[in-house]
Amino acid sequence: MKKLLWWLLAGTRGGHNRARIIRMLHKRPYNTNQLSEALKLDYKTVQHHIKVLEKNSIIVGAGDRYGRMYFLSDIMEENYHLFEEIWNKMGSSD
């Protein structure tokens, strides 16, 4: 899990925004539109990052279409401390 998180957050373009999405979803579930507004990112950008995170089992979705809510996966919840470690090493302050 640690290697996957390093790759998704620090090793790829857009990692900072993916990290911001993970932090938001750790607090509570959001849909794509809510994340877009809260993070001040384009809807399509958030949609892309959601697909990447879902494909890598970092988040899971529930519901249909526009109302689909996203949550951290159980494995991500269990390993959230690894995310925080990486976030701190990245020097992020958001």
C-alpha atoms as a PDB file:
ATOM      1  CA  MET A   1       0.000   0.000   0.000  1.00  0.00           C
ATOM      2  CA  LYS A   2       2.812   2.408   0.836  1.00  0.00           C
ATOM      3  CA  LYS A   3       4.413   2.056  -2.607  1.00  0.00           C
ATOM      4  CA  LEU A   4       1.054   2.533  -4.311  1.00  0.00           C
ATOM      5  CA  LEU A   5       0.382   5.710  -2.326  1.00  0.00           C
ATOM      6  CA  TRP A   6       3.834   7.093  -3.082  1.00  0.00           C
ATOM      7  CA  TRP A   7       3.263   6.482  -6.775  1.00  0.00           C
ATOM      8  CA  LEU A   8      -0.274   7.954  -6.789  1.00  0.00           C
ATOM      9  CA  LEU A   9       0.636  11.022  -4.744  1.00  0.00           C
ATOM     10  CA  ALA A  10       4.270  11.877  -5.343  1.00  0.00           C
ATOM     11  CA  GLY A  11       5.198   9.944  -8.450  1.00  0.00           C
ATOM     12  CA  THR A  12       2.564  11.166 -10.866  1.00  0.00           C
ATOM     13  CA  ARG A  13       1.247  14.436 -12.152  1.00  0.00           C
ATOM     14  CA  GLY A  14      -1.885  15.373 -10.230  1.00  0.00           C
ATOM     15  CA  GLY A  15      -0.803  13.615  -7.055  1.00  0.00           C
ATOM     16  CA  HIS A  16      -1.321  16.718  -4.949  1.00  0.00           C
ATOM     17  CA  ASN A  17      -4.962  16.969  -6.036  1.00  0.00           C
ATOM     18  CA  ARG A  18      -5.493  13.242  -5.419  1.00  0.00           C
ATOM     19  CA  ALA A  19      -4.097  13.733  -1.914  1.00  0.00           C
ATOM     20  CA  ARG A  20      -6.494  16.623  -1.335  1.00  0.00           C
ATOM     21  CA  ILE A  21      -9.412  14.403  -2.403  1.00  0.00           C
ATOM     22  CA  ILE A  22      -8.293  11.639  -0.016  1.00  0.00           C
ATOM     23  CA  ARG A  23      -8.098  14.142   2.844  1.00  0.00           C
ATOM     24  CA  MET A  24     -11.606  15.405   2.108  1.00  0.00           C
ATOM     25  CA  LEU A  25     -13.054  11.894   1.935  1.00  0.00           C
ATOM     26  CA  HIS A  26     -11.388  10.991   5.225  1.00  0.00           C
ATOM     27  CA  LYS A  27     -13.629  13.595   6.883  1.00  0.00           C
ATOM     28  CA  ARG A  28     -16.887  12.590   5.202  1.00  0.00           C
ATOM     29  CA  PRO A  29     -18.312  11.265   1.900  1.00  0.00           C
ATOM     30  CA  TYR A  30     -18.685  13.624  -1.065  1.00  0.00           C
ATOM     31  CA  ASN A  31     -19.937  13.408  -4.620  1.00  0.00           C
ATOM     32  CA  THR A  32     -17.877  14.688  -7.546  1.00  0.00           C
ATOM     33  CA  ASN A  33     -19.642  18.043  -7.710  1.00  0.00           C
ATOM     34  CA  GLN A  34     -19.202  18.680  -3.992  1.00  0.00           C
ATOM     35  CA  LEU A  35     -15.499  17.837  -4.226  1.00  0.00           C
ATOM     36  CA  SER A  36     -15.124  20.106  -7.237  1.00  0.00           C
ATOM     37  CA  GLU A  37     -16.656  23.036  -5.364  1.00  0.00           C
ATOM     38  CA  ALA A  38     -14.861  22.399  -2.066  1.00  0.00           C
ATOM     39  CA  LEU A  39     -11.449  22.019  -3.704  1.00  0.00           C
ATOM     40  CA  LYS A  40     -12.024  24.731  -6.323  1.00  0.00           C
ATOM     41  CA  LEU A  41     -11.133  22.322  -9.129  1.00  0.00           C
ATOM     42  CA  ASP A  42     -12.771  21.746 -12.491  1.00  0.00           C
ATOM     43  CA  TYR A  43     -15.433  19.006 -12.405  1.00  0.00           C
ATOM     44  CA  LYS A  44     -13.661  17.015 -15.152  1.00  0.00           C
ATOM     45  CA  THR A  45     -10.379  17.187 -13.222  1.00  0.00           C
ATOM     46  CA  VAL A  46     -12.011  15.775 -10.100  1.00  0.00           C
ATOM     47  CA  GLN A  47     -13.773  13.147 -12.201  1.00  0.00           C
ATOM     48  CA  HIS A  48     -10.409  12.023 -13.609  1.00  0.00           C
ATOM     49  CA  HIS A  49      -8.794  11.765 -10.172  1.00  0.00           C
ATOM     50  CA  ILE A  50     -11.810   9.883  -8.806  1.00  0.00           C
ATOM     51  CA  LYS A  51     -11.410   7.303 -11.592  1.00  0.00           C
ATOM     52  CA  VAL A  52      -7.706   6.872 -10.803  1.00  0.00           C
ATOM     53  CA  LEU A  53      -8.354   6.496  -7.070  1.00  0.00           C
ATOM     54  CA  GLU A  54     -11.246   4.096  -7.615  1.00  0.00           C
ATOM     55  CA  LYS A  55      -9.241   1.981 -10.076  1.00  0.00           C
ATOM     56  CA  ASN A  56      -6.494   1.634  -7.457  1.00  0.00           C
ATOM     57  CA  SER A  57      -8.949   0.724  -4.648  1.00  0.00           C
ATOM     58  CA  ILE A  58      -8.226   3.855  -2.637  1.00  0.00           C
ATOM     59  CA  ILE A  59     -11.861   4.964  -2.741  1.00  0.00           C
ATOM     60  CA  VAL A  60     -15.221   3.316  -3.382  1.00  0.00           C
ATOM     61  CA  GLY A  61     -18.428   4.785  -4.715  1.00  0.00           C
ATOM     62  CA  ALA A  62     -22.055   4.193  -3.803  1.00  0.00           C
ATOM     63  CA  GLY A  63     -25.096   5.323  -5.720  1.00  0.00           C
ATOM     64  CA  ASP A  64     -25.739   6.288  -9.305  1.00  0.00           C
ATOM     65  CA  ARG A  65     -24.542   8.965 -11.676  1.00  0.00           C
ATOM     66  CA  TYR A  66     -24.401  12.533 -10.331  1.00  0.00           C
ATOM     67  CA  GLY A  67     -25.463  11.585  -6.821  1.00  0.00           C
ATOM     68  CA  ARG A  68     -22.770   8.914  -6.502  1.00  0.00           C
ATOM     69  CA  MET A  69     -21.011   9.386  -3.184  1.00  0.00           C
ATOM     70  CA  TYR A  70     -17.389   8.457  -2.618  1.00  0.00           C
ATOM     71  CA  PHE A  71     -15.809   7.039   0.519  1.00  0.00           C
ATOM     72  CA  LEU A  72     -12.334   5.862   1.433  1.00  0.00           C
ATOM     73  CA  SER A  73     -12.030   2.111   0.940  1.00  0.00           C
ATOM     74  CA  ASP A  74     -11.621  -0.070   4.007  1.00  0.00           C
ATOM     75  CA  ILE A  75      -7.992  -0.753   3.093  1.00  0.00           C
ATOM     76  CA  MET A  76      -7.331   2.989   2.771  1.00  0.00           C
ATOM     77  CA  GLU A  77      -8.993   3.679   6.122  1.00  0.00           C
ATOM     78  CA  GLU A  78      -6.782   1.018   7.725  1.00  0.00           C
ATOM     79  CA  ASN A  79      -3.683   2.561   6.153  1.00  0.00           C
ATOM     80  CA  TYR A  80      -4.556   6.238   6.492  1.00  0.00           C
ATOM     81  CA  HIS A  81      -1.497   6.709   8.714  1.00  0.00           C
ATOM     82  CA  LEU A  82       0.664   5.860   5.664  1.00  0.00           C
ATOM     83  CA  PHE A  83      -1.107   8.546   3.677  1.00  0.00           C
ATOM     84  CA  GLU A  84      -0.463  11.101   6.441  1.00  0.00           C
ATOM     85  CA  GLU A  85       3.212  10.110   6.536  1.00  0.00           C
ATOM     86  CA  ILE A  86       3.538  10.633   2.777  1.00  0.00           C
ATOM     87  CA  TRP A  87       1.516  13.866   2.885  1.00  0.00           C
ATOM     88  CA  ASN A  88       3.878  15.256   5.537  1.00  0.00           C
ATOM     89  CA  LYS A  89       6.985  14.209   3.604  1.00  0.00           C
ATOM     90  CA  MET A  90       5.583  15.903   0.489  1.00  0.00           C
ATOM     91  CA  GLY A  91       5.559  19.127   2.499  1.00  0.00           C
ATOM     92  CA  SER A  92       1.927  19.815   1.721  1.00  0.00           C
ATOM     93  CA  SER A  93       0.114  22.396   3.795  1.00  0.00           C
ATOM     94  CA  ASP A  94      -3.457  22.300   2.411  1.00  0.00           C
END
